[in-house]
């Protein structure tokens, strides 16, 4: 198991190097002079040159990329020009909001999606199966920003069950945290529920036609026990693959949802950086999210080996 994990870590190194290079290249791909974005339109050439020198943009490309990798290896993602503080500190300050949103959304999507997929597989080709698949397709088609606004209007404005926006840390108030994070988490999870439900149904249908399931059924075991103890473990590998993809989608979708619900997370930090052309923040957040996504894929690979020992042999 240790060798399997080490191999997966080694394969992630070149991916991380490529992502860090792409993060650095953001400042070169955007049209115009990045230094002029931080000055007024009437800035003099001397002022622009001073900003370019402060950002290191007056150096050759190879020296800039060497300096970038050197800072990244030390954990230094640069200094935010808009916030006038460390990029790493700005990200870490907002990271708990985004991680709690993504984690709760993943919990909603995984539990409800897998349960819906299993029920659809058990009721294959009857009204329950068709209803679940129709709802899954509907969930995949709903824009997140529209669903978020509808949930706010219904459950926050009309019923007053949740707050319309804002965030309360869980260590200050569990109830306040739940009232602020439940609606955005459900909004973010709805689209992924449909994706997971469809994959879980497909994977379960394939397993339910295997000989060991028919043998367990012929022995008179309860159908619920067959599904949970025999069918579901053998259908988990495709579902785990989907959960890894969904986690990345949740991190990306958090940008829109955090804006709708006014959550002070990494997504809103990125939007503010893009609007103000704060390139150090854009570079740092892109690299940070990529590292989280690589760690999620690593965890999924390890779970493959835990669920199915044949993966380790391969």
C-alpha atoms as a PDB file:
ATOM      1  CA  UNK A   1       0.000   0.000   0.000  1.00  0.00           C
ATOM      2  CA  UNK A   2       2.878   2.366   0.799  1.00  0.00           C
ATOM      3  CA  UNK A   3       4.526   1.726  -2.580  1.00  0.00           C
ATOM      4  CA  UNK A   4       1.200   2.326  -4.305  1.00  0.00           C
ATOM      5  CA  UNK A   5       0.813   5.687  -2.519  1.00  0.00           C
ATOM      6  CA  UNK A   6       4.401   6.736  -3.288  1.00  0.00           C
ATOM      7  CA  UNK A   7       3.917   5.938  -6.981  1.00  0.00           C
ATOM      8  CA  UNK A   8       0.794   8.075  -7.074  1.00  0.00           C
ATOM      9  CA  UNK A   9       2.628  10.937  -5.358  1.00  0.00           C
ATOM     10  CA  UNK A  10       5.458  10.755  -7.891  1.00  0.00           C
ATOM     11  CA  UNK A  11       3.033  10.907 -10.805  1.00  0.00           C
ATOM     12  CA  UNK A  12       1.497  14.069  -9.313  1.00  0.00           C
ATOM     13  CA  UNK A  13       4.830  15.933  -9.311  1.00  0.00           C
ATOM     14  CA  UNK A  14       5.014  16.669 -13.085  1.00  0.00           C
ATOM     15  CA  UNK A  15       1.338  17.653 -13.090  1.00  0.00           C
ATOM     16  CA  UNK A  16       1.959  20.101 -10.263  1.00  0.00           C
ATOM     17  CA  UNK A  17       5.001  21.511 -12.093  1.00  0.00           C
ATOM     18  CA  UNK A  18       2.907  22.046 -15.232  1.00  0.00           C
ATOM     19  CA  UNK A  19       0.095  23.699 -13.265  1.00  0.00           C
ATOM     20  CA  UNK A  20       2.538  26.028 -11.527  1.00  0.00           C
ATOM     21  CA  UNK A  21       3.962  26.987 -14.923  1.00  0.00           C
ATOM     22  CA  UNK A  22       0.458  27.711 -16.223  1.00  0.00           C
ATOM     23  CA  UNK A  23      -0.262  29.761 -13.095  1.00  0.00           C
ATOM     24  CA  UNK A  24       2.793  31.858 -13.770  1.00  0.00           C
ATOM     25  CA  UNK A  25       1.890  32.206 -17.459  1.00  0.00           C
ATOM     26  CA  UNK A  26      -1.427  33.905 -16.559  1.00  0.00           C
ATOM     27  CA  UNK A  27       0.326  37.248 -16.277  1.00  0.00           C
ATOM     28  CA  UNK A  28       1.740  36.828 -19.804  1.00  0.00           C
ATOM     29  CA  UNK A  29      -1.462  35.605 -21.472  1.00  0.00           C
ATOM     30  CA  UNK A  30      -3.641  38.569 -20.477  1.00  0.00           C
ATOM     31  CA  UNK A  31      -3.558  41.326 -23.126  1.00  0.00           C
ATOM     32  CA  UNK A  32      -1.923  44.598 -22.239  1.00  0.00           C
ATOM     33  CA  UNK A  33       0.749  45.601 -19.773  1.00  0.00           C
ATOM     34  CA  UNK A  34      -0.022  44.175 -16.305  1.00  0.00           C
ATOM     35  CA  UNK A  35       1.753  47.078 -14.634  1.00  0.00           C
ATOM     36  CA  UNK A  36      -0.603  49.653 -16.207  1.00  0.00           C
ATOM     37  CA  UNK A  37      -3.612  47.895 -14.575  1.00  0.00           C
ATOM     38  CA  UNK A  38      -2.508  49.153 -11.153  1.00  0.00           C
ATOM     39  CA  UNK A  39      -2.143  52.789 -12.219  1.00  0.00           C
ATOM     40  CA  UNK A  40      -4.445  55.505 -13.489  1.00  0.00           C
ATOM     41  CA  UNK A  41      -4.842  56.072 -17.187  1.00  0.00           C
ATOM     42  CA  UNK A  42      -2.696  59.185 -16.924  1.00  0.00           C
ATOM     43  CA  UNK A  43       0.286  57.402 -15.391  1.00  0.00           C
ATOM     44  CA  UNK A  44       3.691  58.490 -16.650  1.00  0.00           C
ATOM     45  CA  UNK A  45       6.181  56.031 -18.204  1.00  0.00           C
ATOM     46  CA  UNK A  46       8.400  56.410 -15.132  1.00  0.00           C
ATOM     47  CA  UNK A  47       5.541  55.333 -12.848  1.00  0.00           C
ATOM     48  CA  UNK A  48       4.788  52.325 -15.057  1.00  0.00           C
ATOM     49  CA  UNK A  49       8.475  51.398 -15.092  1.00  0.00           C
ATOM     50  CA  UNK A  50       8.581  51.613 -11.276  1.00  0.00           C
ATOM     51  CA  UNK A  51       5.616  49.226 -10.973  1.00  0.00           C
ATOM     52  CA  UNK A  52       7.162  46.853 -13.502  1.00  0.00           C
ATOM     53  CA  UNK A  53      10.366  46.837 -11.469  1.00  0.00           C
ATOM     54  CA  UNK A  54       8.468  46.221  -8.221  1.00  0.00           C
ATOM     55  CA  UNK A  55       6.630  43.271  -9.822  1.00  0.00           C
ATOM     56  CA  UNK A  56       9.791  41.930 -11.433  1.00  0.00           C
ATOM     57  CA  UNK A  57       8.332  42.310 -14.927  1.00  0.00           C
ATOM     58  CA  UNK A  58      11.407  44.110 -16.225  1.00  0.00           C
ATOM     59  CA  UNK A  59      13.501  40.941 -15.915  1.00  0.00           C
ATOM     60  CA  UNK A  60      13.903  38.273 -18.634  1.00  0.00           C
ATOM     61  CA  UNK A  61      11.326  35.502 -18.690  1.00  0.00           C
ATOM     62  CA  UNK A  62      13.687  32.777 -17.505  1.00  0.00           C
ATOM     63  CA  UNK A  63      14.687  34.827 -14.454  1.00  0.00           C
ATOM     64  CA  UNK A  64      11.049  35.490 -13.627  1.00  0.00           C
ATOM     65  CA  UNK A  65      10.124  31.811 -13.833  1.00  0.00           C
ATOM     66  CA  UNK A  66      13.127  30.835 -11.672  1.00  0.00           C
ATOM     67  CA  UNK A  67      12.125  33.436  -9.087  1.00  0.00           C
ATOM     68  CA  UNK A  68       8.495  32.190  -9.239  1.00  0.00           C
ATOM     69  CA  UNK A  69       9.477  28.572  -8.564  1.00  0.00           C
ATOM     70  CA  UNK A  70      11.820  29.674  -5.809  1.00  0.00           C
ATOM     71  CA  UNK A  71       9.037  31.573  -4.040  1.00  0.00           C
ATOM     72  CA  UNK A  72       6.550  28.738  -4.504  1.00  0.00           C
ATOM     73  CA  UNK A  73       8.952  26.164  -3.021  1.00  0.00           C
ATOM     74  CA  UNK A  74       9.285  28.420   0.028  1.00  0.00           C
ATOM     75  CA  UNK A  75       5.501  28.713   0.307  1.00  0.00           C
ATOM     76  CA  UNK A  76       5.552  32.363  -0.787  1.00  0.00           C
ATOM     77  CA  UNK A  77       2.795  33.080  -3.328  1.00  0.00           C
ATOM     78  CA  UNK A  78       3.607  36.769  -3.554  1.00  0.00           C
ATOM     79  CA  UNK A  79       2.007  39.960  -2.286  1.00  0.00           C
ATOM     80  CA  UNK A  80      -1.494  41.059  -3.214  1.00  0.00           C
ATOM     81  CA  UNK A  81      -1.412  44.528  -4.725  1.00  0.00           C
ATOM     82  CA  UNK A  82      -5.094  45.205  -4.072  1.00  0.00           C
ATOM     83  CA  UNK A  83      -5.168  43.894  -0.483  1.00  0.00           C
ATOM     84  CA  UNK A  84      -1.561  44.872   0.338  1.00  0.00           C
ATOM     85  CA  UNK A  85      -0.955  41.600   2.166  1.00  0.00           C
ATOM     86  CA  UNK A  86       0.420  38.129   1.542  1.00  0.00           C
ATOM     87  CA  UNK A  87      -1.493  36.075  -1.037  1.00  0.00           C
ATOM     88  CA  UNK A  88      -1.049  32.911   1.040  1.00  0.00           C
ATOM     89  CA  UNK A  89      -2.477  34.628   4.124  1.00  0.00           C
ATOM     90  CA  UNK A  90      -5.439  35.939   2.112  1.00  0.00           C
ATOM     91  CA  UNK A  91      -6.189  32.453   0.757  1.00  0.00           C
ATOM     92  CA  UNK A  92      -5.810  30.711   4.118  1.00  0.00           C
ATOM     93  CA  UNK A  93      -8.110  33.280   5.736  1.00  0.00           C
ATOM     94  CA  UNK A  94     -10.905  32.484   3.256  1.00  0.00           C
ATOM     95  CA  UNK A  95     -10.176  28.803   2.735  1.00  0.00           C
ATOM     96  CA  UNK A  96     -12.346  27.491   5.632  1.00  0.00           C
ATOM     97  CA  UNK A  97     -15.434  29.040   4.018  1.00  0.00           C
ATOM     98  CA  UNK A  98     -14.816  27.412   0.634  1.00  0.00           C
ATOM     99  CA  UNK A  99     -13.796  24.053   2.117  1.00  0.00           C
ATOM    100  CA  UNK A 100     -16.834  23.889   4.395  1.00  0.00           C
ATOM    101  CA  UNK A 101     -19.073  24.797   1.448  1.00  0.00           C
ATOM    102  CA  UNK A 102     -17.469  22.171  -0.816  1.00  0.00           C
ATOM    103  CA  UNK A 103     -17.443  19.485   1.903  1.00  0.00           C
ATOM    104  CA  UNK A 104     -21.108  19.941   2.816  1.00  0.00           C
ATOM    105  CA  UNK A 105     -22.053  20.068  -0.875  1.00  0.00           C
ATOM    106  CA  UNK A 106     -20.119  16.861  -1.504  1.00  0.00           C
ATOM    107  CA  UNK A 107     -21.894  15.222   1.419  1.00  0.00           C
ATOM    108  CA  UNK A 108     -25.307  16.235   0.064  1.00  0.00           C
ATOM    109  CA  UNK A 109     -24.470  15.190  -3.488  1.00  0.00           C
ATOM    110  CA  UNK A 110     -22.824  11.871  -2.567  1.00  0.00           C
ATOM    111  CA  UNK A 111     -25.470  10.687  -0.120  1.00  0.00           C
ATOM    112  CA  UNK A 112     -28.550  11.743  -2.066  1.00  0.00           C
ATOM    113  CA  UNK A 113     -27.039  10.886  -5.456  1.00  0.00           C
ATOM    114  CA  UNK A 114     -25.923   7.379  -4.492  1.00  0.00           C
ATOM    115  CA  UNK A 115     -29.208   6.643  -2.703  1.00  0.00           C
ATOM    116  CA  UNK A 116     -31.187   7.864  -5.725  1.00  0.00           C
ATOM    117  CA  UNK A 117     -29.037   5.805  -8.102  1.00  0.00           C
ATOM    118  CA  UNK A 118     -29.432   2.656  -6.005  1.00  0.00           C
ATOM    119  CA  UNK A 119     -33.205   3.113  -5.801  1.00  0.00           C
ATOM    120  CA  UNK A 120     -33.405   3.649  -9.559  1.00  0.00           C
ATOM    121  CA  UNK A 121     -31.376   0.480 -10.158  1.00  0.00           C
ATOM    122  CA  UNK A 122     -33.583  -1.541  -7.795  1.00  0.00           C
ATOM    123  CA  UNK A 123     -36.717  -0.250  -9.575  1.00  0.00           C
ATOM    124  CA  UNK A 124     -35.258  -0.546 -13.058  1.00  0.00           C
ATOM    125  CA  UNK A 125     -37.654   0.472 -15.857  1.00  0.00           C
ATOM    126  CA  UNK A 126     -40.621   1.315 -13.634  1.00  0.00           C
ATOM    127  CA  UNK A 127     -42.045   4.692 -12.625  1.00  0.00           C
ATOM    128  CA  UNK A 128     -39.533   5.247  -9.776  1.00  0.00           C
ATOM    129  CA  UNK A 129     -36.579   4.741 -12.110  1.00  0.00           C
ATOM    130  CA  UNK A 130     -38.004   7.084 -14.727  1.00  0.00           C
ATOM    131  CA  UNK A 131     -38.891   9.738 -12.148  1.00  0.00           C
ATOM    132  CA  UNK A 132     -35.424   9.705 -10.570  1.00  0.00           C
ATOM    133  CA  UNK A 133     -33.657   9.901 -13.925  1.00  0.00           C
ATOM    134  CA  UNK A 134     -35.930  12.759 -15.019  1.00  0.00           C
ATOM    135  CA  UNK A 135     -35.144  14.680 -11.825  1.00  0.00           C
ATOM    136  CA  UNK A 136     -31.440  13.943 -12.311  1.00  0.00           C
ATOM    137  CA  UNK A 137     -31.557  15.352 -15.827  1.00  0.00           C
ATOM    138  CA  UNK A 138     -33.470  18.380 -14.544  1.00  0.00           C
ATOM    139  CA  UNK A 139     -30.833  18.944 -11.851  1.00  0.00           C
ATOM    140  CA  UNK A 140     -28.068  18.814 -14.452  1.00  0.00           C
ATOM    141  CA  UNK A 141     -29.878  21.482 -16.485  1.00  0.00           C
ATOM    142  CA  UNK A 142     -30.573  24.079 -13.767  1.00  0.00           C
ATOM    143  CA  UNK A 143     -28.138  27.037 -13.652  1.00  0.00           C
ATOM    144  CA  UNK A 144     -26.605  27.354 -10.207  1.00  0.00           C
ATOM    145  CA  UNK A 145     -27.081  31.119  -9.928  1.00  0.00           C
ATOM    146  CA  UNK A 146     -30.818  30.861 -10.767  1.00  0.00           C
ATOM    147  CA  UNK A 147     -31.376  28.002  -8.325  1.00  0.00           C
ATOM    148  CA  UNK A 148     -29.525  29.924  -5.619  1.00  0.00           C
ATOM    149  CA  UNK A 149     -31.705  32.993  -6.115  1.00  0.00           C
ATOM    150  CA  UNK A 150     -34.880  30.875  -6.020  1.00  0.00           C
ATOM    151  CA  UNK A 151     -33.784  29.150  -2.806  1.00  0.00           C
ATOM    152  CA  UNK A 152     -32.961  32.495  -1.205  1.00  0.00           C
ATOM    153  CA  UNK A 153     -36.348  33.914  -2.158  1.00  0.00           C
ATOM    154  CA  UNK A 154     -38.231  30.843  -0.885  1.00  0.00           C
ATOM    155  CA  UNK A 155     -36.401  29.752   2.248  1.00  0.00           C
ATOM    156  CA  UNK A 156     -34.760  33.011   3.364  1.00  0.00           C
ATOM    157  CA  UNK A 157     -37.110  35.810   2.265  1.00  0.00           C
ATOM    158  CA  UNK A 158     -40.485  34.045   2.459  1.00  0.00           C
ATOM    159  CA  UNK A 159     -40.064  31.340   5.123  1.00  0.00           C
ATOM    160  CA  UNK A 160     -37.160  32.862   7.125  1.00  0.00           C
ATOM    161  CA  UNK A 161     -35.649  29.404   7.723  1.00  0.00           C
ATOM    162  CA  UNK A 162     -32.163  30.377   6.554  1.00  0.00           C
ATOM    163  CA  UNK A 163     -30.148  33.532   6.053  1.00  0.00           C
ATOM    164  CA  UNK A 164     -29.951  35.130   2.614  1.00  0.00           C
ATOM    165  CA  UNK A 165     -26.187  35.530   2.831  1.00  0.00           C
ATOM    166  CA  UNK A 166     -23.168  35.886   5.052  1.00  0.00           C
ATOM    167  CA  UNK A 167     -21.088  33.354   6.950  1.00  0.00           C
ATOM    168  CA  UNK A 168     -20.692  32.453  10.621  1.00  0.00           C
ATOM    169  CA  UNK A 169     -17.715  30.219  11.575  1.00  0.00           C
ATOM    170  CA  UNK A 170     -18.761  26.873  13.000  1.00  0.00           C
ATOM    171  CA  UNK A 171     -16.677  27.424  16.144  1.00  0.00           C
ATOM    172  CA  UNK A 172     -18.769  30.508  16.960  1.00  0.00           C
ATOM    173  CA  UNK A 173     -22.229  29.053  16.338  1.00  0.00           C
ATOM    174  CA  UNK A 174     -23.130  25.696  14.819  1.00  0.00           C
ATOM    175  CA  UNK A 175     -26.687  26.849  14.141  1.00  0.00           C
ATOM    176  CA  UNK A 176     -25.507  30.117  12.603  1.00  0.00           C
ATOM    177  CA  UNK A 177     -23.028  28.213  10.434  1.00  0.00           C
ATOM    178  CA  UNK A 178     -25.764  25.832   9.266  1.00  0.00           C
ATOM    179  CA  UNK A 179     -28.216  28.634   8.480  1.00  0.00           C
ATOM    180  CA  UNK A 180     -25.612  30.406   6.394  1.00  0.00           C
ATOM    181  CA  UNK A 181     -24.060  27.441   4.577  1.00  0.00           C
ATOM    182  CA  UNK A 182     -26.972  25.015   3.992  1.00  0.00           C
ATOM    183  CA  UNK A 183     -28.623  26.840   1.075  1.00  0.00           C
ATOM    184  CA  UNK A 184     -25.412  27.516  -0.892  1.00  0.00           C
ATOM    185  CA  UNK A 185     -24.225  23.941  -0.257  1.00  0.00           C
ATOM    186  CA  UNK A 186     -27.503  22.484  -1.538  1.00  0.00           C
ATOM    187  CA  UNK A 187     -27.407  24.847  -4.528  1.00  0.00           C
ATOM    188  CA  UNK A 188     -23.910  23.664  -5.381  1.00  0.00           C
ATOM    189  CA  UNK A 189     -24.864  20.000  -4.849  1.00  0.00           C
ATOM    190  CA  UNK A 190     -27.993  19.814  -7.013  1.00  0.00           C
ATOM    191  CA  UNK A 191     -26.177  19.623 -10.344  1.00  0.00           C
ATOM    192  CA  UNK A 192     -23.709  17.061  -9.017  1.00  0.00           C
ATOM    193  CA  UNK A 193     -26.509  14.941  -7.503  1.00  0.00           C
ATOM    194  CA  UNK A 194     -27.841  14.232 -10.968  1.00  0.00           C
ATOM    195  CA  UNK A 195     -24.400  13.297 -12.253  1.00  0.00           C
ATOM    196  CA  UNK A 196     -23.729  10.942  -9.322  1.00  0.00           C
ATOM    197  CA  UNK A 197     -27.222   9.413  -9.475  1.00  0.00           C
ATOM    198  CA  UNK A 198     -26.855   8.542 -13.149  1.00  0.00           C
ATOM    199  CA  UNK A 199     -23.429   6.983 -12.623  1.00  0.00           C
ATOM    200  CA  UNK A 200     -24.516   5.100  -9.496  1.00  0.00           C
ATOM    201  CA  UNK A 201     -27.536   3.689 -11.333  1.00  0.00           C
ATOM    202  CA  UNK A 202     -25.410   2.562 -14.284  1.00  0.00           C
ATOM    203  CA  UNK A 203     -22.763   0.979 -12.060  1.00  0.00           C
ATOM    204  CA  UNK A 204     -25.335  -0.764  -9.851  1.00  0.00           C
ATOM    205  CA  UNK A 205     -27.218  -2.175 -12.845  1.00  0.00           C
ATOM    206  CA  UNK A 206     -23.995  -3.710 -14.134  1.00  0.00           C
ATOM    207  CA  UNK A 207     -23.251  -5.313 -10.762  1.00  0.00           C
ATOM    208  CA  UNK A 208     -26.821  -6.563 -10.208  1.00  0.00           C
ATOM    209  CA  UNK A 209     -26.483  -8.829 -13.262  1.00  0.00           C
ATOM    210  CA  UNK A 210     -23.422 -10.587 -11.827  1.00  0.00           C
ATOM    211  CA  UNK A 211     -23.576 -14.209 -10.687  1.00  0.00           C
ATOM    212  CA  UNK A 212     -22.727 -13.507  -7.039  1.00  0.00           C
ATOM    213  CA  UNK A 213     -25.790 -11.247  -6.709  1.00  0.00           C
ATOM    214  CA  UNK A 214     -28.073 -13.911  -8.163  1.00  0.00           C
ATOM    215  CA  UNK A 215     -26.489 -16.470  -5.806  1.00  0.00           C
ATOM    216  CA  UNK A 216     -27.106 -14.261  -2.783  1.00  0.00           C
ATOM    217  CA  UNK A 217     -30.704 -13.715  -3.931  1.00  0.00           C
ATOM    218  CA  UNK A 218     -31.242 -17.463  -4.398  1.00  0.00           C
ATOM    219  CA  UNK A 219     -30.076 -18.046  -0.812  1.00  0.00           C
ATOM    220  CA  UNK A 220     -32.969 -15.912   0.391  1.00  0.00           C
ATOM    221  CA  UNK A 221     -30.976 -12.924   1.670  1.00  0.00           C
ATOM    222  CA  UNK A 222     -32.982  -9.693   2.051  1.00  0.00           C
ATOM    223  CA  UNK A 223     -32.677  -7.510  -1.019  1.00  0.00           C
ATOM    224  CA  UNK A 224     -31.576  -4.493   1.018  1.00  0.00           C
ATOM    225  CA  UNK A 225     -28.724  -6.526   2.522  1.00  0.00           C
ATOM    226  CA  UNK A 226     -27.679  -7.714  -0.928  1.00  0.00           C
ATOM    227  CA  UNK A 227     -27.558  -4.135  -2.190  1.00  0.00           C
ATOM    228  CA  UNK A 228     -25.560  -2.736   0.742  1.00  0.00           C
ATOM    229  CA  UNK A 229     -23.236  -5.638   1.507  1.00  0.00           C
ATOM    230  CA  UNK A 230     -22.619  -7.225  -1.891  1.00  0.00           C
ATOM    231  CA  UNK A 231     -23.650  -4.947  -4.751  1.00  0.00           C
ATOM    232  CA  UNK A 232     -22.619  -1.491  -3.527  1.00  0.00           C
ATOM    233  CA  UNK A 233     -18.979  -2.346  -2.601  1.00  0.00           C
ATOM    234  CA  UNK A 234     -18.451  -3.812  -6.069  1.00  0.00           C
ATOM    235  CA  UNK A 235     -19.975  -0.742  -7.728  1.00  0.00           C
ATOM    236  CA  UNK A 236     -17.926   1.784  -5.769  1.00  0.00           C
ATOM    237  CA  UNK A 237     -14.942   2.221  -8.109  1.00  0.00           C
ATOM    238  CA  UNK A 238     -16.869   4.095 -10.857  1.00  0.00           C
ATOM    239  CA  UNK A 239     -18.734   6.048  -8.180  1.00  0.00           C
ATOM    240  CA  UNK A 240     -15.447   7.074  -6.539  1.00  0.00           C
ATOM    241  CA  UNK A 241     -14.206   8.274  -9.926  1.00  0.00           C
ATOM    242  CA  UNK A 242     -17.270  10.473 -10.258  1.00  0.00           C
ATOM    243  CA  UNK A 243     -16.842  11.804  -6.713  1.00  0.00           C
ATOM    244  CA  UNK A 244     -13.289  12.872  -7.552  1.00  0.00           C
ATOM    245  CA  UNK A 245     -14.518  14.739 -10.637  1.00  0.00           C
ATOM    246  CA  UNK A 246     -17.405  16.235  -8.652  1.00  0.00           C
ATOM    247  CA  UNK A 247     -15.043  17.592  -6.002  1.00  0.00           C
ATOM    248  CA  UNK A 248     -13.173  19.579  -8.633  1.00  0.00           C
ATOM    249  CA  UNK A 249     -16.470  20.840 -10.049  1.00  0.00           C
ATOM    250  CA  UNK A 250     -17.580  21.923  -6.583  1.00  0.00           C
ATOM    251  CA  UNK A 251     -14.431  23.979  -6.106  1.00  0.00           C
ATOM    252  CA  UNK A 252     -15.046  25.641  -9.461  1.00  0.00           C
ATOM    253  CA  UNK A 253     -18.766  26.163  -8.881  1.00  0.00           C
ATOM    254  CA  UNK A 254     -18.064  27.769  -5.512  1.00  0.00           C
ATOM    255  CA  UNK A 255     -16.998  30.925  -7.359  1.00  0.00           C
ATOM    256  CA  UNK A 256     -20.570  31.558  -8.574  1.00  0.00           C
ATOM    257  CA  UNK A 257     -22.357  30.360  -5.439  1.00  0.00           C
ATOM    258  CA  UNK A 258     -20.169  32.400  -3.085  1.00  0.00           C
ATOM    259  CA  UNK A 259     -20.982  35.484  -5.119  1.00  0.00           C
ATOM    260  CA  UNK A 260     -24.744  34.805  -5.006  1.00  0.00           C
ATOM    261  CA  UNK A 261     -24.790  34.163  -1.254  1.00  0.00           C
ATOM    262  CA  UNK A 262     -22.129  36.757  -0.318  1.00  0.00           C
ATOM    263  CA  UNK A 263     -19.828  34.170   1.240  1.00  0.00           C
ATOM    264  CA  UNK A 264     -16.291  35.441   1.962  1.00  0.00           C
ATOM    265  CA  UNK A 265     -14.559  32.461   0.376  1.00  0.00           C
ATOM    266  CA  UNK A 266     -11.764  31.890  -2.105  1.00  0.00           C
ATOM    267  CA  UNK A 267     -14.234  32.208  -4.997  1.00  0.00           C
ATOM    268  CA  UNK A 268     -15.061  35.824  -4.160  1.00  0.00           C
ATOM    269  CA  UNK A 269     -11.362  36.488  -3.678  1.00  0.00           C
ATOM    270  CA  UNK A 270     -10.722  35.268  -7.233  1.00  0.00           C
ATOM    271  CA  UNK A 271     -13.552  37.377  -8.672  1.00  0.00           C
ATOM    272  CA  UNK A 272     -12.225  40.493  -6.949  1.00  0.00           C
ATOM    273  CA  UNK A 273      -8.714  39.721  -8.199  1.00  0.00           C
ATOM    274  CA  UNK A 274      -9.904  39.240 -11.776  1.00  0.00           C
ATOM    275  CA  UNK A 275     -11.912  42.476 -11.762  1.00  0.00           C
ATOM    276  CA  UNK A 276      -8.982  44.442 -10.343  1.00  0.00           C
ATOM    277  CA  UNK A 277      -6.354  42.483 -12.313  1.00  0.00           C
ATOM    278  CA  UNK A 278      -4.526  41.513  -9.119  1.00  0.00           C
ATOM    279  CA  UNK A 279      -2.288  38.958 -10.831  1.00  0.00           C
ATOM    280  CA  UNK A 280      -0.448  37.633  -7.748  1.00  0.00           C
ATOM    281  CA  UNK A 281      -3.801  36.626  -6.221  1.00  0.00           C
ATOM    282  CA  UNK A 282      -4.973  35.007  -9.473  1.00  0.00           C
ATOM    283  CA  UNK A 283      -1.732  33.047  -9.772  1.00  0.00           C
ATOM    284  CA  UNK A 284      -1.748  31.990  -6.130  1.00  0.00           C
ATOM    285  CA  UNK A 285      -5.372  30.870  -5.994  1.00  0.00           C
ATOM    286  CA  UNK A 286      -5.053  28.942  -9.256  1.00  0.00           C
ATOM    287  CA  UNK A 287      -2.043  27.061  -7.911  1.00  0.00           C
ATOM    288  CA  UNK A 288      -3.680  26.510  -4.516  1.00  0.00           C
ATOM    289  CA  UNK A 289      -6.868  25.048  -5.989  1.00  0.00           C
ATOM    290  CA  UNK A 290      -4.808  22.841  -8.312  1.00  0.00           C
ATOM    291  CA  UNK A 291      -2.921  21.425  -5.315  1.00  0.00           C
ATOM    292  CA  UNK A 292      -6.204  20.653  -3.544  1.00  0.00           C
ATOM    293  CA  UNK A 293      -7.533  18.970  -6.688  1.00  0.00           C
ATOM    294  CA  UNK A 294      -4.376  16.829  -6.971  1.00  0.00           C
ATOM    295  CA  UNK A 295      -4.714  15.819  -3.312  1.00  0.00           C
ATOM    296  CA  UNK A 296      -8.347  14.827  -3.924  1.00  0.00           C
ATOM    297  CA  UNK A 297      -7.294  12.674  -6.876  1.00  0.00           C
ATOM    298  CA  UNK A 298      -4.608  11.083  -4.723  1.00  0.00           C
ATOM    299  CA  UNK A 299      -7.175  10.249  -2.038  1.00  0.00           C
ATOM    300  CA  UNK A 300      -9.473   8.772  -4.697  1.00  0.00           C
ATOM    301  CA  UNK A 301      -6.621   6.603  -6.036  1.00  0.00           C
ATOM    302  CA  UNK A 302      -5.893   5.337  -2.534  1.00  0.00           C
ATOM    303  CA  UNK A 303      -9.581   4.598  -1.981  1.00  0.00           C
ATOM    304  CA  UNK A 304      -9.524   2.574  -5.219  1.00  0.00           C
ATOM    305  CA  UNK A 305      -6.877   0.350  -3.686  1.00  0.00           C
ATOM    306  CA  UNK A 306      -8.798   0.093  -0.419  1.00  0.00           C
ATOM    307  CA  UNK A 307     -12.089  -0.803  -2.089  1.00  0.00           C
ATOM    308  CA  UNK A 308     -10.644  -3.078  -4.783  1.00  0.00           C
ATOM    309  CA  UNK A 309      -7.280  -4.792  -3.989  1.00  0.00           C
ATOM    310  CA  UNK A 310      -6.890  -5.661  -7.679  1.00  0.00           C
ATOM    311  CA  UNK A 311      -5.973  -2.031  -8.300  1.00  0.00           C
ATOM    312  CA  UNK A 312      -2.843  -2.446  -6.164  1.00  0.00           C
ATOM    313  CA  UNK A 313      -1.847  -5.558  -8.091  1.00  0.00           C
ATOM    314  CA  UNK A 314      -2.209  -3.752 -11.377  1.00  0.00           C
END
